[in-house]
């Protein structure tokens, strides 16, 4: 099969045994460096994607993605939900009443965000029902003053299913003894766990019970929305508010959790930049190995030039050689990185069991999450191949400038 001369000779140089073993060692180091850099970069980006996905699923599955709130209590919340549901980005809507207070039990006190919900509607906008360790969201019944606690909150209060907790609200109530806070006793009917800080601060009661506590029977504070695209939340809220009266205002997850996710995104970017340096060092090794190869092959270059090979042909020969090193290292790195990203969770769990460690005790997950994305693999491979190609330009141009007479003078 006919092949271009530069491709034929370039591949032949790769297959041939190097007379200078140091050059062979540098070439091997270049391949291994690229393989390591690409594999580590893919694995770390996959782990960062895993943490981002877990945060988004757990935290944003509990906190409102977007809300439509009212300055005055809303009596006809189904109509407001119907208006919101007309927007193509809105998947579901549910009413809520939210209050801040203190929960006390067994001599323990803890602050809490207590949310009044309608269980049937809340399932459509929240993951709380699927995160229940004990009990069910449907165990909340109007008039019985039941409560569902996060695991962290239940542990802080030292309570379980069937325990009694006292809710203390900051709203003052007049009495013969003077102005005192409002108290109400609740029965714990469920405990949920999402593995995030919300476990230590959130509690749920029935919507009707919350309305009775705040003396707004049949009314709600607003509706909570679930969206198709989380990052469209600000635009969706603005568009919906434009259709409503001045009594309404909106909020999104970016108001409460935006800084956390911005930090995760920045951390991923900085980590990718640092790992990029590993690939850059490996590419620099390609430059070193090719420069030494050009020096070692000066006689061969001179002979090819005297036989009629053009400087461009000589340049392409060494570009083929360097590009093959980059292609081989990148291919091995992609394969290794994909395999490692897929199995990293099992590997870390095995290490934990083997040495009796608990590496994630301080985190919101009990394992190392990994989420492989084809876009990240493609980006890393493209960067590695591009750097490898750029690394061949200087040595190949240096080879093209070799003068035959000068090179053969001492041969």
Foldseek 3Di string as FASTA:
>chain_A
DDDDPLLVLLVVVVPDDDPDVVLVVLLVLLLQLLLVLLQVLQQVLQLLVQVLVLCCCQVCLADFQKWKFFLDWAQCQVVLQVLLVVDPFFDAKWFKAWAWWWKAAPRFIDIAIEMAGALVRSVRRHCQQVQWPFAGSVVADPPQQAKEAQPQQCVRRVDDAFGKMKTWGPDWDQDPVGTDTDIDIHGYRTYGASLDPNSNHYMYHHNQVSCVSVVNHSTGGTMGTHTPDSVCRVVSQVVSVVVDDPRIDMDRVCVPCVVVSVVSVVVSVVVSVVSLVSLLVSLLSLLVSLLVVLVVCLQVLLVVVVVPDALVSQLSNQLSNLLVSLVSSLVSNLVSNVVCLVCVQVVVVVVCVVVVHQPCPVGSDRTRTGHRDPVSSVVSSVSSSVSSSVSSNVSSNVSSPRHSCVSPVPD
